[in-house]
Amino acid sequence: MWILIAVGAGVLALAHTAPVPFLFDAIAGGRSVWHMPKRTPPTIYFTFDDGPNPTTTPDLLDVLSREGVRATFFLIDRHITERTAPLVRRMFADGHAVALHSATRRYMLMSPDAFARTLTGAADHIERVAGRRPCPAFRPHAGWRSWAMYAGLKQIDHQMVGWSWMLWDWNWFRARTADSVVNRLRDRVSNGDIIVMHDGDQSAPLKDQRHTVGATARLIPDLRARGFTFGVVCENVATPEPGRRAQESGDRVIW
């Protein structure tokens, strides 16, 4: 009996916290995205979390512009300020995708209605400061998720976006450096993989994330030389025009 209880508790914990697709994601089906379809030529997807960060994001955007690479930026609403709004506008102008992120695990405890309203408010904020609405995609803080979050995403026709296996820059409580990030990611990537790096920090919006800029500048030419090209997670997402809500437009999300 105790073994069954322990197994059940473990399954439930992993359903909320697993850094890979698990129970909730299997049930959610197409509303959960942890890998992109394979393409020819092989394509990988850079995503950057916790921005915008005026200390790091400008240099990262410069690297991406110089290399002609588009990426997907998952932004924290409270980090979008008068100071950082020009960075959001530049993301759109440079052809990057902009999506929603969270700075706290407390979103897991919201009701579906409250969660949907929170994301809609964040999207409204981006539209006000940038003149463009983010694509209907959300990434939860540290990947912690709940079924109520999935229910809220369904209300506003958004997708939850994770990342491919082991393709994140977290370094197990050790300081992240450009070398450690490159060594962690370079040899693991394959066609359709979603890679996570951080140009911001959820608890320190001005923290310098120089390792991400350096790692990105090194990874792009290395991966390109191996035949990879680069895409955005929201490439085929039907993004509402300014002033329109996803649930009002009737647009379907196609990944």
Protein backbone atom coordinates (compact mmCIF):
# COMPACT_ATOMS: atom_id res chain seq x y z
CA MET A 1 0.00 0.00 0.00
CA TRP A 2 2.72 2.48 0.98
CA ILE A 3 4.59 1.71 -2.23
CA LEU A 4 1.50 2.55 -4.27
CA ILE A 5 1.02 5.78 -2.32
CA ALA A 6 4.66 6.72 -2.88
CA VAL A 7 4.43 5.96 -6.60
CA GLY A 8 1.22 7.99 -6.87
CA ALA A 9 2.79 10.92 -5.04
CA GLY A 10 5.83 10.75 -7.32
CA VAL A 11 3.70 10.73 -10.45
CA LEU A 12 1.69 13.70 -9.19
CA ALA A 13 4.85 15.64 -8.32
CA LEU A 14 6.35 14.98 -11.75
CA ALA A 15 3.13 15.99 -13.45
CA HIS A 16 3.67 19.47 -11.96
CA THR A 17 7.45 19.77 -12.12
CA ALA A 18 9.03 17.40 -14.65
CA PRO A 19 11.42 19.24 -16.99
CA VAL A 20 10.11 17.03 -19.81
CA PRO A 21 6.64 16.19 -21.15
CA PHE A 22 4.76 14.17 -18.56
CA LEU A 23 1.21 13.37 -17.41
CA PHE A 24 -0.47 16.77 -17.76
CA ASP A 25 1.27 17.38 -21.06
CA ALA A 26 0.18 14.04 -22.49
CA ILE A 27 -3.42 14.79 -21.54
CA ALA A 28 -3.19 18.32 -22.96
CA GLY A 29 -2.06 16.97 -26.33
CA GLY A 30 -1.37 19.72 -28.86
CA ARG A 31 -1.65 22.45 -26.24
CA SER A 32 1.75 21.33 -24.90
CA VAL A 33 4.88 21.94 -26.99
CA TRP A 34 8.27 20.56 -25.97
CA HIS A 35 9.78 19.91 -29.39
CA MET A 36 9.22 21.32 -32.84
CA PRO A 37 8.61 19.27 -36.00
CA LYS A 38 11.72 18.14 -37.83
CA ARG A 39 12.51 20.15 -40.92
CA THR A 40 14.87 20.20 -43.87
CA PRO A 41 17.38 21.70 -43.41
CA PRO A 42 17.54 20.71 -39.73
CA THR A 43 16.22 23.56 -37.60
CA ILE A 44 16.72 24.45 -33.95
CA TYR A 45 14.96 27.07 -31.86
CA PHE A 46 16.71 29.51 -29.55
CA THR A 47 14.46 30.80 -26.76
CA PHE A 48 15.43 33.36 -24.13
CA ASP A 49 13.69 33.72 -20.76
CA ASP A 50 13.20 36.29 -18.01
CA GLY A 51 13.77 39.50 -19.99
CA PRO A 52 13.68 42.14 -21.09
CA ASN A 53 16.90 43.08 -19.30
CA PRO A 54 18.53 46.44 -20.18
CA THR A 55 21.90 45.09 -19.03
CA THR A 56 22.03 42.06 -21.33
CA THR A 57 19.24 42.03 -23.90
CA PRO A 58 20.62 44.85 -26.11
CA ASP A 59 23.90 43.00 -26.65
CA LEU A 60 22.06 39.74 -27.26
CA LEU A 61 19.88 41.42 -29.88
CA ASP A 62 23.03 42.79 -31.49
CA VAL A 63 24.49 39.28 -31.76
CA LEU A 64 21.31 37.88 -33.26
CA SER A 65 21.09 40.76 -35.72
CA ARG A 66 24.70 40.37 -36.79
CA GLU A 67 24.21 36.64 -37.36
CA GLY A 68 20.82 37.03 -39.06
CA VAL A 69 19.12 34.72 -36.55
CA ARG A 70 15.61 35.09 -35.15
CA ALA A 71 14.66 33.77 -31.73
CA THR A 72 11.73 33.64 -29.32
CA PHE A 73 11.75 35.84 -26.20
CA PHE A 74 9.58 34.79 -23.25
CA LEU A 75 9.07 38.02 -21.30
CA ILE A 76 8.16 38.64 -17.67
CA ASP A 77 5.42 41.25 -17.44
CA ARG A 78 6.87 43.16 -14.48
CA HIS A 79 10.20 43.50 -16.31
CA ILE A 80 8.52 45.49 -19.08
CA THR A 81 8.99 49.08 -17.96
CA GLU A 82 9.47 52.47 -19.56
CA ARG A 83 13.17 51.67 -19.67
CA THR A 84 12.81 48.26 -21.32
CA ALA A 85 9.86 48.97 -23.63
CA PRO A 86 12.22 49.98 -26.49
CA LEU A 87 13.80 46.52 -26.27
CA VAL A 88 10.39 44.89 -26.75
CA ARG A 89 9.76 47.09 -29.77
CA ARG A 90 13.15 46.14 -31.17
CA MET A 91 12.40 42.43 -30.73
CA PHE A 92 9.36 42.79 -32.95
CA ALA A 93 11.18 45.06 -35.43
CA ASP A 94 14.04 42.56 -35.76
CA GLY A 95 11.63 39.73 -36.57
CA HIS A 96 11.83 37.87 -33.27
CA ALA A 97 8.83 36.23 -31.65
CA VAL A 98 7.63 37.58 -28.32
CA ALA A 99 5.74 35.34 -25.88
CA LEU A 100 4.71 35.25 -22.21
CA HIS A 101 6.64 34.02 -19.18
CA SER A 102 6.15 34.07 -15.41
CA ALA A 103 8.42 35.00 -12.54
CA THR A 104 6.75 32.83 -9.93
CA ARG A 105 5.39 29.35 -9.34
CA ARG A 106 2.31 30.86 -7.72
CA TYR A 107 0.60 30.85 -11.11
CA MET A 108 0.06 27.14 -10.46
CA LEU A 109 -2.36 28.02 -7.66
CA MET A 110 -4.56 30.32 -9.72
CA SER A 111 -7.96 29.31 -10.96
CA PRO A 112 -8.24 28.86 -14.74
CA ASP A 113 -10.15 32.13 -15.02
CA ALA A 114 -7.62 34.11 -12.97
CA PHE A 115 -4.71 32.60 -14.89
CA ALA A 116 -6.32 33.43 -18.24
CA ARG A 117 -6.95 37.01 -17.11
CA THR A 118 -3.35 37.35 -15.92
CA LEU A 119 -1.92 36.26 -19.26
CA THR A 120 -4.36 38.42 -21.18
CA GLY A 121 -3.32 41.40 -19.08
CA ALA A 122 0.36 40.72 -19.80
CA ALA A 123 -0.36 40.47 -23.53
CA ASP A 124 -2.34 43.73 -23.36
CA HIS A 125 0.66 45.38 -21.68
CA ILE A 126 3.03 44.26 -24.45
CA GLU A 127 0.60 45.51 -27.08
CA ARG A 128 0.37 48.90 -25.39
CA VAL A 129 4.13 49.43 -25.22
CA ALA A 130 5.12 47.81 -28.52
CA GLY A 131 2.11 48.13 -30.78
CA ARG A 132 2.17 44.40 -31.42
CA ARG A 133 0.56 41.54 -29.59
CA PRO A 134 2.71 38.59 -28.44
CA CYS A 135 2.12 35.23 -30.01
CA PRO A 136 -0.23 32.94 -28.01
CA ALA A 137 2.48 31.02 -26.18
CA PHE A 138 3.38 30.80 -22.49
CA ARG A 139 6.28 29.25 -20.61
CA PRO A 140 5.84 28.70 -16.85
CA HIS A 141 8.56 29.55 -14.36
CA ALA A 142 11.00 26.62 -14.16
CA GLY A 143 8.45 24.53 -16.07
CA TRP A 144 6.21 24.15 -12.99
CA ARG A 145 2.66 23.74 -14.22
CA SER A 146 -0.80 22.64 -13.13
CA TRP A 147 -3.93 21.37 -14.80
CA ALA A 148 -5.64 24.66 -13.90
CA MET A 149 -2.98 26.45 -15.99
CA TYR A 150 -3.75 24.22 -18.94
CA ALA A 151 -7.46 24.95 -18.49
CA GLY A 152 -6.73 28.67 -18.47
CA LEU A 153 -4.60 28.37 -21.60
CA LYS A 154 -7.48 26.64 -23.34
CA GLN A 155 -9.77 29.57 -22.51
CA ILE A 156 -7.54 31.99 -24.40
CA ASP A 157 -6.28 29.51 -27.00
CA HIS A 158 -2.62 29.63 -25.94
CA GLN A 159 0.04 26.93 -25.96
CA MET A 160 2.39 25.98 -23.13
CA VAL A 161 5.97 25.81 -24.40
CA GLY A 162 8.71 23.82 -22.71
CA TRP A 163 12.12 22.78 -24.04
CA SER A 164 13.94 19.77 -25.37
CA TRP A 165 15.65 17.24 -23.11
CA MET A 166 18.65 18.69 -21.23
CA LEU A 167 18.74 21.77 -23.47
CA TRP A 168 18.66 24.43 -20.80
CA ASP A 169 21.46 26.58 -19.40
CA TRP A 170 20.87 25.91 -15.71
CA ASN A 171 24.08 24.49 -14.32
CA TRP A 172 23.07 22.69 -11.12
CA PHE A 173 23.80 25.50 -8.67
CA ARG A 174 27.15 26.34 -10.26
CA ALA A 175 27.87 29.71 -11.81
CA ARG A 176 26.96 29.80 -15.47
CA THR A 177 29.67 30.85 -17.90
CA ALA A 178 29.77 31.05 -21.67
CA ASP A 179 32.02 27.97 -21.69
CA SER A 180 29.70 25.91 -19.49
CA VAL A 181 26.63 26.84 -21.54
CA VAL A 182 28.31 26.07 -24.86
CA ASN A 183 29.65 22.75 -23.59
CA ARG A 184 26.26 21.79 -22.21
CA LEU A 185 24.26 22.59 -25.34
CA ARG A 186 26.49 22.24 -28.38
CA ASP A 187 26.66 18.48 -28.75
CA ARG A 188 23.12 17.70 -27.57
CA VAL A 189 21.09 19.57 -30.17
CA SER A 190 19.20 17.86 -32.97
CA ASN A 191 16.56 18.74 -35.53
CA GLY A 192 13.51 20.42 -33.96
CA ASP A 193 15.05 21.04 -30.54
CA ILE A 194 13.97 23.98 -28.39
CA ILE A 195 16.89 25.51 -26.46
CA VAL A 196 16.46 27.66 -23.33
CA MET A 197 18.88 30.35 -22.24
CA HIS A 198 18.36 33.39 -20.02
CA ASP A 199 18.93 37.02 -20.92
CA GLY A 200 17.27 38.00 -17.62
CA ASP A 201 16.75 36.82 -14.07
CA GLN A 202 13.29 36.56 -12.54
CA SER A 203 14.42 38.01 -9.20
CA ALA A 204 17.03 40.51 -10.43
CA PRO A 205 15.87 42.34 -13.56
CA LEU A 206 19.20 44.15 -14.03
CA LYS A 207 21.51 41.19 -13.41
CA ASP A 208 24.17 40.89 -16.09
CA GLN A 209 23.75 37.64 -17.98
CA ARG A 210 26.88 38.08 -20.07
CA HIS A 211 27.36 34.33 -20.37
CA THR A 212 24.22 34.11 -22.54
CA VAL A 213 25.52 36.71 -24.99
CA GLY A 214 28.89 34.98 -25.25
CA ALA A 215 27.40 31.51 -25.56
CA THR A 216 24.96 32.59 -28.26
CA ALA A 217 27.70 34.29 -30.25
CA ARG A 218 29.70 31.05 -30.22
CA LEU A 219 26.86 28.58 -30.72
CA ILE A 220 25.37 30.16 -33.83
CA PRO A 221 28.39 29.83 -36.15
CA ASP A 222 29.27 26.43 -34.70
CA LEU A 223 25.79 25.00 -35.26
CA ARG A 224 25.44 26.69 -38.63
CA ALA A 225 28.68 25.06 -39.77
CA ARG A 226 27.12 21.71 -38.85
CA GLY A 227 24.17 22.37 -41.15
CA PHE A 228 21.60 23.74 -38.71
CA THR A 229 19.32 26.67 -39.41
CA PHE A 230 17.34 28.64 -36.84
CA GLY A 231 13.62 29.21 -36.38
CA VAL A 232 11.20 30.83 -33.98
CA VAL A 233 8.80 28.79 -31.88
CA CYS A 234 5.93 31.02 -32.95
CA GLU A 235 6.73 30.78 -36.66
CA ASN A 236 3.32 29.37 -37.56
CA VAL A 237 1.28 30.80 -34.71
CA ALA A 238 -1.64 32.96 -35.78
CA THR A 239 -0.93 36.11 -33.75
CA PRO A 240 -3.92 38.46 -33.30
CA GLU A 241 -3.56 41.88 -34.86
CA PRO A 242 -3.35 44.86 -32.50
CA GLY A 243 -6.58 45.30 -30.60
CA ARG A 244 -7.79 41.73 -31.17
CA ARG A 245 -7.89 38.93 -28.61
CA ALA A 246 -7.03 35.38 -29.55
CA GLN A 247 -10.37 34.15 -28.29
CA GLU A 248 -12.20 36.84 -30.25
CA SER A 249 -10.39 36.34 -33.55
CA GLY A 250 -11.14 32.67 -33.95
CA ASP A 251 -7.56 32.09 -35.10
CA ARG A 252 -6.25 28.61 -34.49
CA VAL A 253 -2.74 27.97 -33.29
CA ILE A 254 -0.73 25.71 -35.56
CA TRP A 255 2.70 24.58 -34.43
